[in-house]
Structures are given as structure tokens and as C-alpha cells.
């Protein structure tokens, strides 16, 4: 193989002289190196083509096939399908509003109990906890403690203070929920049967349901006509009964004892602000307020006034409480 030589140019500067074969070899090597450097780009372009081209081809094939099937379906009449109307199921999903009498409870049994447990695990355990102790993960984030179903103390009942509620009370509480200060939503999406099921399940969490007897419900007497005289008398009962200590002189929930009030669990409780009757925990109807005054709210500082007041005084107090949330200058009765 010829080697490169050094020769001197006319101007005296030496230069390297390469044979023609050597120059051709170097050019060939340079071209091969450039081709090797381009290989990754070629493979990448091929991968992109495959990634984009194959789905496009498949989509085009499906489009063409779909058009062909639609043309065939137009030419061939569809077979007749007999229409069958199913009979109404005895377990059809019904939804009864909280302010309506609940439907009759279904017969107890394992199926209803199993349904109630599933509902409890899915909708209740987050706040009330796995065992119903009111210690659920989400329940710890709200200021008002969820109900402890083992202690079985319930705020809203038709039964006297310290007693268990009736099933209808639990149905109503689940349907209506409690207001923003409490944090329990209204479970309107649960069917009546699902509500009865979860009631059946939560009654297995406390021995009280086996040991204590549920007393008959309180019968609320007919309400007298609402008027200014009743509001004035109710204001006097309000002061005499010491309601202002918690609810404030004007019924705004800002009494001197309000900052120190606590639930039995130790968490703080905010007295009701009568200007916001929609937030009353156990209902804003006259009968609801009357019942709350008689039965109290177990587990909270709200006592029963059954022994301290007469029926007439309670109705006067109801008129005063509801007048705070009414429009200024009016004393008409709210919707019952």
C-alpha cells in the first residue's frame, strides 16, 4: 500500500501528499461513519411510523367495516323482539321525604341486616368508625363529634330524655341529616329499604337495644294560634327558664355560657342561633321545636324542660323562638 509522502512546496512550506487510494479509503470510512450515526434516527422514524400508522390503518379498517355493516342493516329488517313488562318488585326502590311519615319497616332478617351492614360500611363508617364508636377518620376532622352508636345517645327523639329513640326517629335523622354545625349530610340517595337496613344494623352495635325498652312516643298537643301575645309571653318564659345563658338575650347563640359548652364527648357545642331556624338540629317546624323543649337533646348541654314548664308555656316559648327567625315586624306562624 502506498504511503503518504512529504514534499516541499515552491514557497518552502512542506505538505503531506496522500496517494489517491488512501484518500478514497478515508472518504469511504467517513461515509460509513455518517451512515452509522444516522441509524438511530432511521430506527426512530420507523418506530414513529409504526406507532402512528398502525392505529390509523386499524381505525380506517374499522370505519370501512362499520359503514358496510350499517348499509347491510338498512337493507335487512330487524327481527321483532317481544316487549316484556316486569311486574313491580316488592323491594322496589322508594324514597320517602324526611317530613313525611316513613313507610312500614320491612320484616327483620339476615338479608335486611346484611344490606344495612353494606350501607354502613359504605356511607357511615368514615365518620362513625368501624365499630360505631364515633371515631372514624373523617369524623375526627369535624368539630361536632359523630354519634357513638355503642353509647346509644341520640339528639333527636320522640321519646323522653335519656331513653332510646324510636325507629321512626332514626329514619328521619338519616333522611334529613343535621345542619352545617353538625356535619352529617342528608342521605337522600338511600332508598327506604336501605335506610331501614342500616337502622337494623346500627341497633346491633349497642347492648342497650336488647336491655332497654323503647318508650312510646311523645304526643305533641295541638298548637294554639300564633300571635304577638304569645311571642311576648314566650319572651318572659325564655328569661325565666334561663335560656339566655346559652342562647343569648336576643336568641343569637351568643350567651355568656356559650363558649364553655361541650358535648359529653368533650368537644365544644355551639348553641342554636334562632335567626337560622333551618339549622335547628331536630327540625324547625313548631312541633319539632316543642318536642325538643320537652325531650332535650341527649349527649349535649340542651336539657329537657318537661318539668320546668307547662304545655302553654312551651307553646309560648316556641312562638318566641320562631319569631326571632321571622321577618321583622311579623309574628305569623311558620309552616307546619
Protein backbone atom coordinates (compact mmCIF):
# COMPACT_ATOMS: atom_id res chain seq x y z
CA UNK A 1 0.00 0.00 0.00
CA UNK A 2 1.35 3.39 -0.93
CA UNK A 3 2.28 5.60 1.89
CA UNK A 4 1.89 9.32 2.27
CA UNK A 5 4.99 11.40 1.49
CA UNK A 6 6.13 14.89 2.43
CA UNK A 7 7.18 17.33 -0.20
CA UNK A 8 8.18 20.94 -0.20
CA UNK A 9 6.04 23.48 -1.96
CA UNK A 10 7.58 26.24 -4.11
CA UNK A 11 7.05 28.70 -1.30
CA UNK A 12 9.09 26.48 1.02
CA UNK A 13 6.20 25.14 3.13
CA UNK A 14 6.18 21.32 3.46
CA UNK A 15 2.92 19.43 2.77
CA UNK A 16 1.66 15.85 3.06
CA UNK A 17 0.94 14.10 -0.19
CA UNK A 18 -1.54 11.14 0.14
CA UNK A 19 -1.99 8.61 -2.59
CA UNK A 20 -5.33 8.55 -4.36
CA UNK A 21 -6.23 5.16 -2.90
CA UNK A 22 -5.72 6.39 0.62
CA UNK A 23 -7.91 9.40 0.00
CA UNK A 24 -10.66 7.16 -1.35
CA UNK A 25 -10.44 4.91 1.69
CA UNK A 26 -10.73 7.85 4.05
CA UNK A 27 -13.78 9.16 2.21
CA UNK A 28 -15.37 5.71 2.39
CA UNK A 29 -14.73 5.46 6.12
CA UNK A 30 -16.20 8.91 6.68
CA UNK A 31 -19.32 7.97 4.72
CA UNK A 32 -19.72 4.75 6.70
CA UNK A 33 -19.38 6.62 9.99
CA UNK A 34 -22.02 9.13 8.89
CA UNK A 35 -24.36 6.29 7.92
CA UNK A 36 -23.88 4.60 11.29
CA UNK A 37 -24.62 7.87 13.05
CA UNK A 38 -27.90 8.17 11.15
CA UNK A 39 -29.09 4.65 12.00
CA UNK A 40 -30.73 5.63 15.35
CA UNK A 41 -32.64 8.41 13.61
CA UNK A 42 -33.80 5.96 10.94
CA UNK A 43 -34.98 3.45 13.56
CA UNK A 44 -36.74 6.24 15.49
CA UNK A 45 -38.55 7.39 12.37
CA UNK A 46 -39.60 3.81 11.66
CA UNK A 47 -40.94 3.43 15.22
CA UNK A 48 -42.93 6.65 14.89
CA UNK A 49 -44.32 5.48 11.60
CA UNK A 50 -45.38 2.17 13.12
CA UNK A 51 -46.85 3.83 16.22
CA UNK A 52 -48.92 6.22 14.15
CA UNK A 53 -49.53 4.24 11.04
CA UNK A 54 -50.86 1.01 12.54
CA UNK A 55 -53.61 2.70 14.65
CA UNK A 56 -54.56 4.81 11.65
CA UNK A 57 -54.83 1.73 9.47
CA UNK A 58 -56.86 -0.09 12.12
CA UNK A 59 -59.16 2.89 12.53
CA UNK A 60 -59.66 3.15 8.80
CA UNK A 61 -60.44 -0.57 8.62
CA UNK A 62 -62.99 -0.31 11.44
CA UNK A 63 -64.58 2.73 9.81
CA UNK A 64 -64.95 0.92 6.50
CA UNK A 65 -66.33 -2.19 8.25
CA UNK A 66 -68.82 -0.10 10.25
CA UNK A 67 -70.12 1.61 7.12
CA UNK A 68 -70.55 -1.75 5.44
CA UNK A 69 -72.47 -3.14 8.43
CA UNK A 70 -74.74 -0.09 8.53
CA UNK A 71 -75.55 -0.50 4.83
CA UNK A 72 -76.37 -4.17 5.41
CA UNK A 73 -78.56 -3.32 8.41
CA UNK A 74 -80.55 -0.85 6.33
CA UNK A 75 -81.25 -3.50 3.71
CA UNK A 76 -82.30 -6.20 6.24
CA UNK A 77 -85.27 -5.53 8.60
CA UNK A 78 -84.58 -6.01 12.29
CA UNK A 79 -86.19 -9.06 13.93
CA UNK A 80 -89.22 -8.35 16.12
CA UNK A 81 -88.47 -8.52 19.85
CA UNK A 82 -91.44 -9.13 22.18
CA UNK A 83 -91.81 -6.45 24.87
CA UNK A 84 -91.98 -7.78 28.39
CA UNK A 85 -93.10 -5.54 31.25
CA UNK A 86 -91.79 -6.73 34.57
CA UNK A 87 -94.16 -6.77 37.49
CA UNK A 88 -93.44 -4.28 40.24
CA UNK A 89 -90.96 -5.76 42.70
CA UNK A 90 -91.91 -5.83 46.37
CA UNK A 91 -88.45 -4.39 47.02
CA UNK A 92 -88.73 -1.52 44.55
CA UNK A 93 -86.59 1.47 45.49
CA UNK A 94 -88.75 4.14 47.12
CA UNK A 95 -87.60 7.42 48.65
CA UNK A 96 -89.72 8.99 51.39
CA UNK A 97 -89.00 12.59 52.37
CA UNK A 98 -87.96 13.26 55.95
CA UNK A 99 -91.05 15.34 56.73
CA UNK A 100 -93.40 12.55 55.66
CA UNK A 101 -94.36 9.50 57.74
CA UNK A 102 -91.82 6.78 56.96
CA UNK A 103 -93.07 3.64 55.23
CA UNK A 104 -93.57 0.47 57.27
CA UNK A 105 -90.32 -1.22 58.20
CA UNK A 106 -89.62 -4.43 56.28
CA UNK A 107 -89.57 -7.70 58.23
CA UNK A 108 -86.29 -8.21 60.11
CA UNK A 109 -83.96 -10.86 58.82
CA UNK A 110 -80.45 -11.70 57.72
CA UNK A 111 -80.94 -10.17 54.27
CA UNK A 112 -82.00 -6.80 55.70
CA UNK A 113 -79.18 -6.89 58.25
CA UNK A 114 -76.62 -7.70 55.55
CA UNK A 115 -77.93 -4.84 53.42
CA UNK A 116 -77.67 -2.48 56.39
CA UNK A 117 -74.10 -3.50 57.09
CA UNK A 118 -73.11 -2.82 53.48
CA UNK A 119 -74.72 0.60 53.64
CA UNK A 120 -73.00 1.33 56.96
CA UNK A 121 -69.58 0.31 55.60
CA UNK A 122 -70.07 2.42 52.51
CA UNK A 123 -71.75 5.56 53.84
CA UNK A 124 -71.33 5.76 57.61
CA UNK A 125 -68.07 4.19 58.72
CA UNK A 126 -65.97 7.18 57.64
CA UNK A 127 -67.37 9.31 60.47
CA UNK A 128 -68.85 6.80 62.92
CA UNK A 129 -65.98 4.31 62.77
CA UNK A 130 -65.79 0.58 62.12
CA UNK A 131 -67.49 -0.28 65.43
CA UNK A 132 -69.79 2.74 65.57
CA UNK A 133 -67.85 4.49 68.33
CA UNK A 134 -67.90 7.84 66.54
CA UNK A 135 -64.15 7.65 65.92
CA UNK A 136 -64.00 7.43 62.14
CA UNK A 137 -61.16 9.04 60.22
CA UNK A 138 -63.32 11.74 58.64
CA UNK A 139 -65.28 12.22 61.86
CA UNK A 140 -62.13 13.42 63.60
CA UNK A 141 -61.92 16.34 61.19
CA UNK A 142 -65.28 17.90 62.09
CA UNK A 143 -65.84 19.96 65.21
CA UNK A 144 -69.02 18.17 66.24
CA UNK A 145 -68.50 14.53 67.28
CA UNK A 146 -70.38 11.88 65.29
CA UNK A 147 -72.85 9.79 67.26
CA UNK A 148 -71.43 6.97 69.34
CA UNK A 149 -73.80 4.13 68.47
CA UNK A 150 -72.42 1.99 71.28
CA UNK A 151 -73.39 4.58 73.90
CA UNK A 152 -76.69 4.94 72.00
CA UNK A 153 -77.36 8.56 72.95
CA UNK A 154 -79.32 10.38 70.29
CA UNK A 155 -80.10 14.07 69.91
CA UNK A 156 -83.47 13.91 68.17
CA UNK A 157 -86.18 11.64 69.52
CA UNK A 158 -89.91 11.40 70.09
CA UNK A 159 -89.07 9.67 73.39
CA UNK A 160 -88.26 11.17 76.83
CA UNK A 161 -84.80 12.35 77.81
CA UNK A 162 -82.35 9.52 78.46
CA UNK A 163 -84.32 6.91 76.51
CA UNK A 164 -83.69 5.19 73.22
CA UNK A 165 -85.25 6.69 70.08
CA UNK A 166 -87.90 5.02 68.02
CA UNK A 167 -87.05 3.59 64.63
CA UNK A 168 -89.01 6.41 63.01
CA UNK A 169 -86.71 8.93 64.73
CA UNK A 170 -83.62 7.25 63.29
CA UNK A 171 -85.24 7.08 59.85
CA UNK A 172 -85.98 10.80 59.98
CA UNK A 173 -82.46 11.72 61.18
CA UNK A 174 -80.83 9.74 58.37
CA UNK A 175 -83.17 11.18 55.76
CA UNK A 176 -83.00 14.79 56.94
CA UNK A 177 -79.44 14.82 58.20
CA UNK A 178 -78.21 17.51 60.53
CA UNK A 179 -77.28 21.03 59.73
CA UNK A 180 -73.87 22.57 58.87
CA UNK A 181 -72.88 22.97 62.53
CA UNK A 182 -73.09 19.19 62.93
CA UNK A 183 -71.70 17.96 59.63
CA UNK A 184 -73.96 14.96 58.96
CA UNK A 185 -75.46 15.19 55.46
CA UNK A 186 -78.97 14.18 54.45
CA UNK A 187 -78.81 10.75 52.82
CA UNK A 188 -81.43 11.39 50.18
CA UNK A 189 -79.83 8.90 47.78
CA UNK A 190 -80.51 5.91 50.03
CA UNK A 191 -83.71 4.05 49.34
CA UNK A 192 -86.24 3.49 52.11
CA UNK A 193 -85.20 -0.14 52.37
CA UNK A 194 -81.53 0.81 52.65
CA UNK A 195 -82.37 3.25 55.45
CA UNK A 196 -84.31 0.57 57.31
CA UNK A 197 -81.41 -1.81 56.74
CA UNK A 198 -78.80 0.48 58.23
CA UNK A 199 -81.11 1.14 61.21
CA UNK A 200 -81.34 -2.60 61.73
CA UNK A 201 -77.55 -2.88 61.64
CA UNK A 202 -76.69 0.01 63.96
CA UNK A 203 -79.01 -1.45 66.59
CA UNK A 204 -76.61 -4.41 66.79
CA UNK A 205 -73.77 -2.13 67.90
CA UNK A 206 -75.07 -1.37 71.41
CA UNK A 207 -76.40 -3.69 74.13
CA UNK A 208 -78.90 -1.00 75.10
CA UNK A 209 -81.19 -2.12 72.27
CA UNK A 210 -81.50 -5.51 73.97
CA UNK A 211 -81.58 -4.28 77.55
CA UNK A 212 -83.71 -1.12 77.40
CA UNK A 213 -87.28 -0.81 76.28
CA UNK A 214 -88.15 1.94 73.80
CA UNK A 215 -90.92 4.04 75.37
CA UNK A 216 -93.96 5.26 73.46
CA UNK A 217 -93.55 8.49 71.51
CA UNK A 218 -94.39 11.93 72.82
CA UNK A 219 -97.75 13.15 71.57
CA UNK A 220 -97.45 16.83 70.71
CA UNK A 221 -100.68 18.67 71.62
CA UNK A 222 -102.31 20.94 69.07
CA UNK A 223 -100.59 24.30 68.69
CA UNK A 224 -102.51 27.44 69.70
CA UNK A 225 -102.91 30.33 67.25
CA UNK A 226 -99.66 32.18 66.71
CA UNK A 227 -99.64 35.89 67.52
CA UNK A 228 -97.84 38.77 69.18
CA UNK A 229 -99.25 37.98 72.62
CA UNK A 230 -97.78 34.51 72.51
CA UNK A 231 -94.40 35.91 71.45
CA UNK A 232 -94.42 38.35 74.39
CA UNK A 233 -95.31 35.61 76.87
CA UNK A 234 -92.68 33.35 75.30
CA UNK A 235 -90.01 36.02 75.81
CA UNK A 236 -90.87 36.05 79.51
CA UNK A 237 -90.62 32.25 79.73
CA UNK A 238 -87.32 32.46 77.85
CA UNK A 239 -85.84 34.69 80.53
CA UNK A 240 -87.36 32.80 83.47
CA UNK A 241 -86.11 29.41 82.22
CA UNK A 242 -82.54 30.69 81.84
CA UNK A 243 -82.39 30.12 78.09
CA UNK A 244 -80.45 33.35 77.56
CA UNK A 245 -77.44 31.95 79.41
CA UNK A 246 -76.65 29.79 76.38
CA UNK A 247 -78.66 31.26 73.51
CA UNK A 248 -78.14 34.95 74.39
CA UNK A 249 -80.64 37.68 75.17
CA UNK A 250 -81.69 38.00 71.55
CA UNK A 251 -81.51 34.28 70.78
CA UNK A 252 -78.41 34.61 68.60
CA UNK A 253 -76.49 31.75 70.24
CA UNK A 254 -74.10 34.14 71.98
CA UNK A 255 -74.97 33.75 75.67
CA UNK A 256 -72.30 34.10 78.37
CA UNK A 257 -72.15 30.30 78.86
CA UNK A 258 -71.86 29.53 75.14
CA UNK A 259 -68.03 29.45 74.92
CA UNK A 260 -67.83 26.86 77.72
CA UNK A 261 -70.50 24.45 76.50
CA UNK A 262 -69.38 20.96 75.48
CA UNK A 263 -70.84 17.71 74.30
CA UNK A 264 -70.49 14.67 76.55
CA UNK A 265 -67.51 13.71 74.40
CA UNK A 266 -65.71 16.90 75.46
CA UNK A 267 -65.92 18.68 72.11
CA UNK A 268 -67.38 22.20 72.09
CA UNK A 269 -71.00 22.76 71.13
CA UNK A 270 -72.46 25.91 69.64
CA UNK A 271 -75.96 26.86 70.84
CA UNK A 272 -78.59 27.31 68.18
CA UNK A 273 -78.95 30.73 66.61
CA UNK A 274 -82.70 31.32 66.41
CA UNK A 275 -82.20 33.60 63.41
CA UNK A 276 -81.34 30.48 61.41
CA UNK A 277 -84.20 28.03 62.03
CA UNK A 278 -83.16 25.92 59.03
CA UNK A 279 -80.09 24.92 61.06
CA UNK A 280 -82.07 23.60 64.03
CA UNK A 281 -80.71 20.11 64.54
CA UNK A 282 -84.04 18.42 65.19
CA UNK A 283 -86.27 20.43 62.85
CA UNK A 284 -87.74 23.89 62.53
CA UNK A 285 -91.45 23.11 62.48
CA UNK A 286 -93.41 24.22 65.58
CA UNK A 287 -93.98 20.60 66.62
CA UNK A 288 -90.23 19.88 66.21
CA UNK A 289 -89.26 22.79 68.47
CA UNK A 290 -91.93 21.82 71.04
CA UNK A 291 -90.66 18.25 71.10
CA UNK A 292 -87.05 19.40 71.54
CA UNK A 293 -88.06 21.53 74.53
CA UNK A 294 -89.78 18.54 76.15
CA UNK A 295 -87.26 15.79 75.38
CA UNK A 296 -83.97 17.70 75.37
CA UNK A 297 -81.01 16.54 73.31
CA UNK A 298 -79.14 13.64 74.89
CA UNK A 299 -75.36 13.89 74.85
CA UNK A 300 -75.47 17.69 74.67
CA UNK A 301 -75.99 20.52 77.20
CA UNK A 302 -79.56 21.04 75.98
CA UNK A 303 -81.78 19.77 78.84
CA UNK A 304 -85.42 18.78 78.95
CA UNK A 305 -87.87 21.45 80.09
CA UNK A 306 -90.68 18.97 80.68
CA UNK A 307 -90.70 19.57 84.45
CA UNK A 308 -90.00 23.32 84.44
CA UNK A 309 -92.71 24.46 82.03
CA UNK A 310 -96.36 23.84 81.29
CA UNK A 311 -97.76 22.97 77.90
CA UNK A 312 -98.93 26.55 77.42
CA UNK A 313 -95.55 27.97 78.38
CA UNK A 314 -93.80 25.66 75.92
CA UNK A 315 -96.02 26.80 73.07
CA UNK A 316 -95.37 30.43 74.03
CA UNK A 317 -91.64 29.67 74.03
CA UNK A 318 -91.96 28.05 70.61
CA UNK A 319 -93.62 31.21 69.31
CA UNK A 320 -90.83 33.39 70.68
CA UNK A 321 -88.06 31.17 69.29
CA UNK A 322 -89.55 31.07 65.82
CA UNK A 323 -90.32 34.79 65.85
CA UNK A 324 -86.58 35.54 66.05
CA UNK A 325 -86.09 33.97 62.64
CA UNK A 326 -89.20 35.55 61.13
CA UNK A 327 -89.20 38.78 59.14
CA UNK A 328 -89.03 41.93 61.28
CA UNK A 329 -92.45 43.18 62.37
CA UNK A 330 -94.24 39.87 61.79
CA UNK A 331 -95.42 37.26 64.25
CA UNK A 332 -97.17 34.84 61.96
CA UNK A 333 -96.73 31.15 62.46
CA UNK A 334 -94.24 29.34 60.24
CA UNK A 335 -95.24 26.48 58.02
CA UNK A 336 -96.15 23.40 59.97
